[in-house]
Amino acid sequence: MENFPEGKFLATVKIGPKGQIVIPKEVRDMFSLNPGDSLVLMADKGQGIALQPFSYVESFWKAVNPVKDGEQK
């Protein structure tokens, strides 16, 4: 693919027979993704599909919904 600015990446991936995709190594390295890491899949019929590392979503959720001492999640 074409060269993109640092921190940007675009690629085409294919869905395998078991519904799996391979995340390109450059992207895994960019986000420090390792085997066994969790990703959050977000889908909107009008907007498309996005993947986010669970740690990013978890950090965001904690920032917008802080748990006070003694409260349960």
PDB file of N, CA and C in Angstrom:
ATOM      1  N   MET A   1       0.833  -1.182   0.000  1.00  0.00           N
ATOM      2  CA  MET A   1       0.000   0.000   0.000  1.00  0.00           C
ATOM      3  C   MET A   1       0.880   1.250   0.000  1.00  0.00           C
ATOM      4  N   GLU A   2       0.266   2.358  -0.171  1.00  0.00           N
ATOM      5  CA  GLU A   2       0.930   3.658  -0.203  1.00  0.00           C
ATOM      6  C   GLU A   2       1.524   4.003   1.171  1.00  0.00           C
ATOM      7  N   ASN A   3       2.568   4.823   1.173  1.00  0.00           N
ATOM      8  CA  ASN A   3       3.153   5.274   2.440  1.00  0.00           C
ATOM      9  C   ASN A   3       2.241   6.308   3.088  1.00  0.00           C
ATOM     10  N   PHE A   4       2.027   6.153   4.380  1.00  0.00           N
ATOM     11  CA  PHE A   4       1.197   7.070   5.149  1.00  0.00           C
ATOM     12  C   PHE A   4       2.053   7.729   6.216  1.00  0.00           C
ATOM     13  N   PRO A   5       1.610   8.872   6.738  1.00  0.00           N
ATOM     14  CA  PRO A   5       2.356   9.517   7.822  1.00  0.00           C
ATOM     15  C   PRO A   5       2.494   8.567   9.017  1.00  0.00           C
ATOM     16  N   GLU A   6       3.515   8.801   9.827  1.00  0.00           N
ATOM     17  CA  GLU A   6       3.727   7.965  11.006  1.00  0.00           C
ATOM     18  C   GLU A   6       2.482   7.959  11.882  1.00  0.00           C
ATOM     19  N   GLY A   7       2.134   6.782  12.375  1.00  0.00           N
ATOM     20  CA  GLY A   7       0.949   6.642  13.207  1.00  0.00           C
ATOM     21  C   GLY A   7      -0.319   6.384  12.419  1.00  0.00           C
ATOM     22  N   LYS A   8      -0.205   6.306  11.102  1.00  0.00           N
ATOM     23  CA  LYS A   8      -1.361   6.030  10.230  1.00  0.00           C
ATOM     24  C   LYS A   8      -1.078   4.754   9.447  1.00  0.00           C
ATOM     25  N   PHE A   9      -2.119   3.985   9.165  1.00  0.00           N
ATOM     26  CA  PHE A   9      -1.946   2.746   8.416  1.00  0.00           C
ATOM     27  C   PHE A   9      -3.256   2.404   7.723  1.00  0.00           C
ATOM     28  N   LEU A  10      -3.157   1.903   6.517  1.00  0.00           N
ATOM     29  CA  LEU A  10      -4.318   1.455   5.758  1.00  0.00           C
ATOM     30  C   LEU A  10      -3.941   0.170   5.049  1.00  0.00           C
ATOM     31  N   ALA A  11      -4.780  -0.837   5.156  1.00  0.00           N
ATOM     32  CA  ALA A  11      -4.516  -2.113   4.493  1.00  0.00           C
ATOM     33  C   ALA A  11      -5.839  -2.802   4.199  1.00  0.00           C
ATOM     34  N   THR A  12      -5.786  -3.737   3.293  1.00  0.00           N
ATOM     35  CA  THR A  12      -6.920  -4.606   3.013  1.00  0.00           C
ATOM     36  C   THR A  12      -6.627  -5.955   3.650  1.00  0.00           C
ATOM     37  N   VAL A  13      -7.583  -6.487   4.387  1.00  0.00           N
ATOM     38  CA  VAL A  13      -7.435  -7.822   4.968  1.00  0.00           C
ATOM     39  C   VAL A  13      -8.598  -8.673   4.480  1.00  0.00           C
ATOM     40  N   LYS A  14      -8.362  -9.970   4.410  1.00  0.00           N
ATOM     41  CA  LYS A  14      -9.414 -10.889   3.964  1.00  0.00           C
ATOM     42  C   LYS A  14      -9.946 -11.681   5.147  1.00  0.00           C
ATOM     43  N   ILE A  15     -11.215 -12.000   5.071  1.00  0.00           N
ATOM     44  CA  ILE A  15     -11.845 -12.845   6.078  1.00  0.00           C
ATOM     45  C   ILE A  15     -11.607 -14.290   5.672  1.00  0.00           C
ATOM     46  N   GLY A  16     -11.039 -15.069   6.600  1.00  0.00           N
ATOM     47  CA  GLY A  16     -10.762 -16.475   6.342  1.00  0.00           C
ATOM     48  C   GLY A  16     -12.019 -17.318   6.474  1.00  0.00           C
ATOM     49  N   PRO A  17     -11.903 -18.607   6.179  1.00  0.00           N
ATOM     50  CA  PRO A  17     -13.069 -19.496   6.209  1.00  0.00           C
ATOM     51  C   PRO A  17     -13.731 -19.606   7.585  1.00  0.00           C
ATOM     52  N   LYS A  18     -12.996 -19.317   8.650  1.00  0.00           N
ATOM     53  CA  LYS A  18     -13.568 -19.371   9.998  1.00  0.00           C
ATOM     54  C   LYS A  18     -13.999 -17.986  10.488  1.00  0.00           C
ATOM     55  N   GLY A  19     -14.038 -16.997   9.582  1.00  0.00           N
ATOM     56  CA  GLY A  19     -14.452 -15.649   9.946  1.00  0.00           C
ATOM     57  C   GLY A  19     -13.354 -14.828  10.600  1.00  0.00           C
ATOM     58  N   GLN A  20     -12.121 -15.293  10.537  1.00  0.00           N
ATOM     59  CA  GLN A  20     -11.006 -14.598  11.177  1.00  0.00           C
ATOM     60  C   GLN A  20     -10.313 -13.650  10.211  1.00  0.00           C
ATOM     61  N   ILE A  21      -9.720 -12.595  10.778  1.00  0.00           N
ATOM     62  CA  ILE A  21      -8.869 -11.702   9.995  1.00  0.00           C
ATOM     63  C   ILE A  21      -7.495 -11.671  10.653  1.00  0.00           C
ATOM     64  N   VAL A  22      -6.481 -11.315   9.881  1.00  0.00           N
ATOM     65  CA  VAL A  22      -5.137 -11.143  10.422  1.00  0.00           C
ATOM     66  C   VAL A  22      -4.869  -9.645  10.506  1.00  0.00           C
ATOM     67  N   ILE A  23      -4.502  -9.192  11.684  1.00  0.00           N
ATOM     68  CA  ILE A  23      -4.130  -7.790  11.860  1.00  0.00           C
ATOM     69  C   ILE A  23      -2.669  -7.668  11.443  1.00  0.00           C
ATOM     70  N   PRO A  24      -2.372  -6.801  10.472  1.00  0.00           N
ATOM     71  CA  PRO A  24      -0.993  -6.687   9.989  1.00  0.00           C
ATOM     72  C   PRO A  24      -0.003  -6.391  11.120  1.00  0.00           C
ATOM     73  N   LYS A  25       1.211  -6.926  10.980  1.00  0.00           N
ATOM     74  CA  LYS A  25       2.248  -6.769  11.997  1.00  0.00           C
ATOM     75  C   LYS A  25       2.496  -5.303  12.330  1.00  0.00           C
ATOM     76  N   GLU A  26       2.502  -4.442  11.321  1.00  0.00           N
ATOM     77  CA  GLU A  26       2.743  -3.022  11.572  1.00  0.00           C
ATOM     78  C   GLU A  26       1.707  -2.444  12.544  1.00  0.00           C
ATOM     79  N   VAL A  27       0.467  -2.880  12.405  1.00  0.00           N
ATOM     80  CA  VAL A  27      -0.598  -2.392  13.288  1.00  0.00           C
ATOM     81  C   VAL A  27      -0.451  -3.008  14.675  1.00  0.00           C
ATOM     82  N   ARG A  28      -0.140  -4.310  14.734  1.00  0.00           N
ATOM     83  CA  ARG A  28       0.080  -4.949  16.038  1.00  0.00           C
ATOM     84  C   ARG A  28       1.206  -4.249  16.788  1.00  0.00           C
ATOM     85  N   ASP A  29       2.274  -3.927  16.078  1.00  0.00           N
ATOM     86  CA  ASP A  29       3.398  -3.218  16.705  1.00  0.00           C
ATOM     87  C   ASP A  29       2.997  -1.808  17.133  1.00  0.00           C
ATOM     88  N   MET A  30       2.244  -1.113  16.286  1.00  0.00           N
ATOM     89  CA  MET A  30       1.825   0.263  16.569  1.00  0.00           C
ATOM     90  C   MET A  30       1.042   0.344  17.879  1.00  0.00           C
ATOM     91  N   PHE A  31       0.211  -0.675  18.148  1.00  0.00           N
ATOM     92  CA  PHE A  31      -0.639  -0.677  19.334  1.00  0.00           C
ATOM     93  C   PHE A  31      -0.178  -1.655  20.405  1.00  0.00           C
ATOM     94  N   SER A  32       1.016  -2.218  20.228  1.00  0.00           N
ATOM     95  CA  SER A  32       1.575  -3.193  21.182  1.00  0.00           C
ATOM     96  C   SER A  32       0.592  -4.328  21.451  1.00  0.00           C
ATOM     97  N   LEU A  33      -0.010  -4.855  20.391  1.00  0.00           N
ATOM     98  CA  LEU A  33      -0.952  -5.964  20.513  1.00  0.00           C
ATOM     99  C   LEU A  33      -0.189  -7.279  20.512  1.00  0.00           C
ATOM    100  N   ASN A  34      -0.591  -8.174  21.400  1.00  0.00           N
ATOM    101  CA  ASN A  34       0.053  -9.474  21.526  1.00  0.00           C
ATOM    102  C   ASN A  34      -0.995 -10.576  21.488  1.00  0.00           C
ATOM    103  N   PRO A  35      -0.577 -11.808  21.153  1.00  0.00           N
ATOM    104  CA  PRO A  35      -1.531 -12.918  21.177  1.00  0.00           C
ATOM    105  C   PRO A  35      -2.231 -12.984  22.537  1.00  0.00           C
ATOM    106  N   GLY A  36      -3.538 -13.151  22.504  1.00  0.00           N
ATOM    107  CA  GLY A  36      -4.329 -13.235  23.728  1.00  0.00           C
ATOM    108  C   GLY A  36      -4.909 -11.905  24.183  1.00  0.00           C
ATOM    109  N   ASP A  37      -4.442 -10.782  23.616  1.00  0.00           N
ATOM    110  CA  ASP A  37      -5.015  -9.480  23.970  1.00  0.00           C
ATOM    111  C   ASP A  37      -6.470  -9.415  23.509  1.00  0.00           C
ATOM    112  N   SER A  38      -7.274  -8.660  24.233  1.00  0.00           N
ATOM    113  CA  SER A  38      -8.683  -8.492  23.871  1.00  0.00           C
ATOM    114  C   SER A  38      -8.879  -7.215  23.071  1.00  0.00           C
ATOM    115  N   LEU A  39      -9.749  -7.301  22.079  1.00  0.00           N
ATOM    116  CA  LEU A  39     -10.148  -6.149  21.279  1.00  0.00           C
ATOM    117  C   LEU A  39     -11.651  -5.979  21.418  1.00  0.00           C
ATOM    118  N   VAL A  40     -12.110  -4.753  21.323  1.00  0.00           N
ATOM    119  CA  VAL A  40     -13.542  -4.470  21.320  1.00  0.00           C
ATOM    120  C   VAL A  40     -13.933  -4.196  19.875  1.00  0.00           C
ATOM    121  N   LEU A  41     -14.926  -4.917  19.378  1.00  0.00           N
ATOM    122  CA  LEU A  41     -15.431  -4.716  18.028  1.00  0.00           C
ATOM    123  C   LEU A  41     -16.682  -3.860  18.122  1.00  0.00           C
ATOM    124  N   MET A  42     -16.680  -2.757  17.395  1.00  0.00           N
ATOM    125  CA  MET A  42     -17.842  -1.870  17.352  1.00  0.00           C
ATOM    126  C   MET A  42     -18.375  -1.887  15.924  1.00  0.00           C
ATOM    127  N   ALA A  43     -19.670  -2.060  15.780  1.00  0.00           N
ATOM    128  CA  ALA A  43     -20.264  -2.120  14.445  1.00  0.00           C
ATOM    129  C   ALA A  43     -21.501  -1.236  14.388  1.00  0.00           C
ATOM    130  N   ASP A  44     -21.603  -0.505  13.305  1.00  0.00           N
ATOM    131  CA  ASP A  44     -22.749   0.346  13.040  1.00  0.00           C
ATOM    132  C   ASP A  44     -23.058   0.189  11.559  1.00  0.00           C
ATOM    133  N   LYS A  45     -24.257  -0.252  11.257  1.00  0.00           N
ATOM    134  CA  LYS A  45     -24.602  -0.538   9.867  1.00  0.00           C
ATOM    135  C   LYS A  45     -24.342   0.645   8.939  1.00  0.00           C
ATOM    136  N   GLY A  46     -24.524   1.858   9.422  1.00  0.00           N
ATOM    137  CA  GLY A  46     -24.303   3.041   8.598  1.00  0.00           C
ATOM    138  C   GLY A  46     -22.873   3.558   8.614  1.00  0.00           C
ATOM    139  N   GLN A  47     -22.128   3.264   9.674  1.00  0.00           N
ATOM    140  CA  GLN A  47     -20.787   3.822   9.844  1.00  0.00           C
ATOM    141  C   GLN A  47     -19.670   2.823   9.560  1.00  0.00           C
ATOM    142  N   GLY A  48     -19.938   1.537   9.729  1.00  0.00           N
ATOM    143  CA  GLY A  48     -18.908   0.536   9.469  1.00  0.00           C
ATOM    144  C   GLY A  48     -18.475  -0.195  10.727  1.00  0.00           C
ATOM    145  N   ILE A  49     -17.286  -0.798  10.649  1.00  0.00           N
ATOM    146  CA  ILE A  49     -16.739  -1.634  11.713  1.00  0.00           C
ATOM    147  C   ILE A  49     -15.440  -1.009  12.208  1.00  0.00           C
ATOM    148  N   ALA A  50     -15.232  -1.060  13.519  1.00  0.00           N
ATOM    149  CA  ALA A  50     -13.979  -0.569  14.102  1.00  0.00           C
ATOM    150  C   ALA A  50     -13.540  -1.524  15.199  1.00  0.00           C
ATOM    151  N   LEU A  51     -12.241  -1.650  15.373  1.00  0.00           N
ATOM    152  CA  LEU A  51     -11.659  -2.428  16.466  1.00  0.00           C
ATOM    153  C   LEU A  51     -10.848  -1.487  17.336  1.00  0.00           C
ATOM    154  N   GLN A  52     -10.953  -1.667  18.639  1.00  0.00           N
ATOM    155  CA  GLN A  52     -10.150  -0.900  19.592  1.00  0.00           C
ATOM    156  C   GLN A  52      -9.561  -1.878  20.599  1.00  0.00           C
ATOM    157  N   PRO A  53      -8.307  -1.673  20.996  1.00  0.00           N
ATOM    158  CA  PRO A  53      -7.772  -2.489  22.083  1.00  0.00           C
ATOM    159  C   PRO A  53      -8.645  -2.298  23.327  1.00  0.00           C
ATOM    160  N   PHE A  54      -8.928  -3.386  24.027  1.00  0.00           N
ATOM    161  CA  PHE A  54      -9.770  -3.313  25.221  1.00  0.00           C
ATOM    162  C   PHE A  54      -9.196  -2.322  26.229  1.00  0.00           C
ATOM    163  N   SER A  55      -7.877  -2.266  26.346  1.00  0.00           N
ATOM    164  CA  SER A  55      -7.258  -1.357  27.318  1.00  0.00           C
ATOM    165  C   SER A  55      -7.627   0.098  27.033  1.00  0.00           C
ATOM    166  N   TYR A  56      -7.761   0.492  25.759  1.00  0.00           N
ATOM    167  CA  TYR A  56      -8.155   1.862  25.409  1.00  0.00           C
ATOM    168  C   TYR A  56      -9.586   2.129  25.849  1.00  0.00           C
ATOM    169  N   VAL A  57     -10.458   1.188  25.574  1.00  0.00           N
ATOM    170  CA  VAL A  57     -11.871   1.347  25.922  1.00  0.00           C
ATOM    171  C   VAL A  57     -12.025   1.350  27.438  1.00  0.00           C
ATOM    172  N   GLU A  58     -11.288   0.466  28.115  1.00  0.00           N
ATOM    173  CA  GLU A  58     -11.345   0.387  29.576  1.00  0.00           C
ATOM    174  C   GLU A  58     -10.881   1.707  30.205  1.00  0.00           C
ATOM    175  N   SER A  59      -9.792   2.278  29.697  1.00  0.00           N
ATOM    176  CA  SER A  59      -9.287   3.562  30.213  1.00  0.00           C
ATOM    177  C   SER A  59     -10.318   4.668  30.013  1.00  0.00           C
ATOM    178  N   PHE A  60     -10.935   4.703  28.839  1.00  0.00           N
ATOM    179  CA  PHE A  60     -11.962   5.701  28.550  1.00  0.00           C
ATOM    180  C   PHE A  60     -13.137   5.537  29.507  1.00  0.00           C
ATOM    181  N   TRP A  61     -13.597   4.291  29.681  1.00  0.00           N
ATOM    182  CA  TRP A  61     -14.748   4.037  30.537  1.00  0.00           C
ATOM    183  C   TRP A  61     -14.464   4.477  31.973  1.00  0.00           C
ATOM    184  N   LYS A  62     -13.270   4.176  32.468  1.00  0.00           N
ATOM    185  CA  LYS A  62     -12.921   4.579  33.835  1.00  0.00           C
ATOM    186  C   LYS A  62     -12.872   6.097  33.966  1.00  0.00           C
ATOM    187  N   ALA A  63     -12.454   6.780  32.921  1.00  0.00           N
ATOM    188  CA  ALA A  63     -12.375   8.240  32.964  1.00  0.00           C
ATOM    189  C   ALA A  63     -13.757   8.886  32.994  1.00  0.00           C
ATOM    190  N   VAL A  64     -14.715   8.312  32.269  1.00  0.00           N
ATOM    191  CA  VAL A  64     -16.053   8.915  32.209  1.00  0.00           C
ATOM    192  C   VAL A  64     -16.998   8.355  33.263  1.00  0.00           C
ATOM    193  N   ASN A  65     -16.624   7.249  33.898  1.00  0.00           N
ATOM    194  CA  ASN A  65     -17.484   6.617  34.888  1.00  0.00           C
ATOM    195  C   ASN A  65     -16.632   6.167  36.078  1.00  0.00           C
ATOM    196  N   PRO A  66     -16.027   7.117  36.808  1.00  0.00           N
ATOM    197  CA  PRO A  66     -15.148   6.724  37.912  1.00  0.00           C
ATOM    198  C   PRO A  66     -15.922   6.029  39.026  1.00  0.00           C
ATOM    199  N   VAL A  67     -15.284   5.024  39.608  1.00  0.00           N
ATOM    200  CA  VAL A  67     -15.873   4.289  40.727  1.00  0.00           C
ATOM    201  C   VAL A  67     -15.292   4.867  42.008  1.00  0.00           C
ATOM    202  N   LYS A  68     -16.154   5.267  42.920  1.00  0.00           N
ATOM    203  CA  LYS A  68     -15.703   5.828  44.191  1.00  0.00           C
ATOM    204  C   LYS A  68     -15.319   4.699  45.136  1.00  0.00           C
ATOM    205  N   ASP A  69     -14.434   4.994  46.084  1.00  0.00           N
ATOM    206  CA  ASP A  69     -14.020   3.999  47.070  1.00  0.00           C
ATOM    207  C   ASP A  69     -15.238   3.393  47.747  1.00  0.00           C
ATOM    208  N   GLY A  70     -15.235   2.073  47.853  1.00  0.00           N
ATOM    209  CA  GLY A  70     -16.318   1.375  48.527  1.00  0.00           C
ATOM    210  C   GLY A  70     -17.494   1.030  47.634  1.00  0.00           C
ATOM    211  N   GLU A  71     -17.589   1.616  46.447  1.00  0.00           N
ATOM    212  CA  GLU A  71     -18.692   1.300  45.532  1.00  0.00           C
ATOM    213  C   GLU A  71     -18.326   0.107  44.676  1.00  0.00           C
ATOM    214  N   GLN A  72     -19.332  -0.638  44.297  1.00  0.00           N
ATOM    215  CA  GLN A  72     -19.114  -1.762  43.396  1.00  0.00           C
ATOM    216  C   GLN A  72     -19.256  -1.296  41.974  1.00  0.00           C
ATOM    217  N   LYS A  73     -18.585  -1.989  41.094  1.00  0.00           N
ATOM    218  CA  LYS A  73     -18.675  -1.671  39.660  1.00  0.00           C
ATOM    219  C   LYS A  73     -20.003  -2.104  39.105  1.00  0.00           C
TER     220      LYS A  73
END
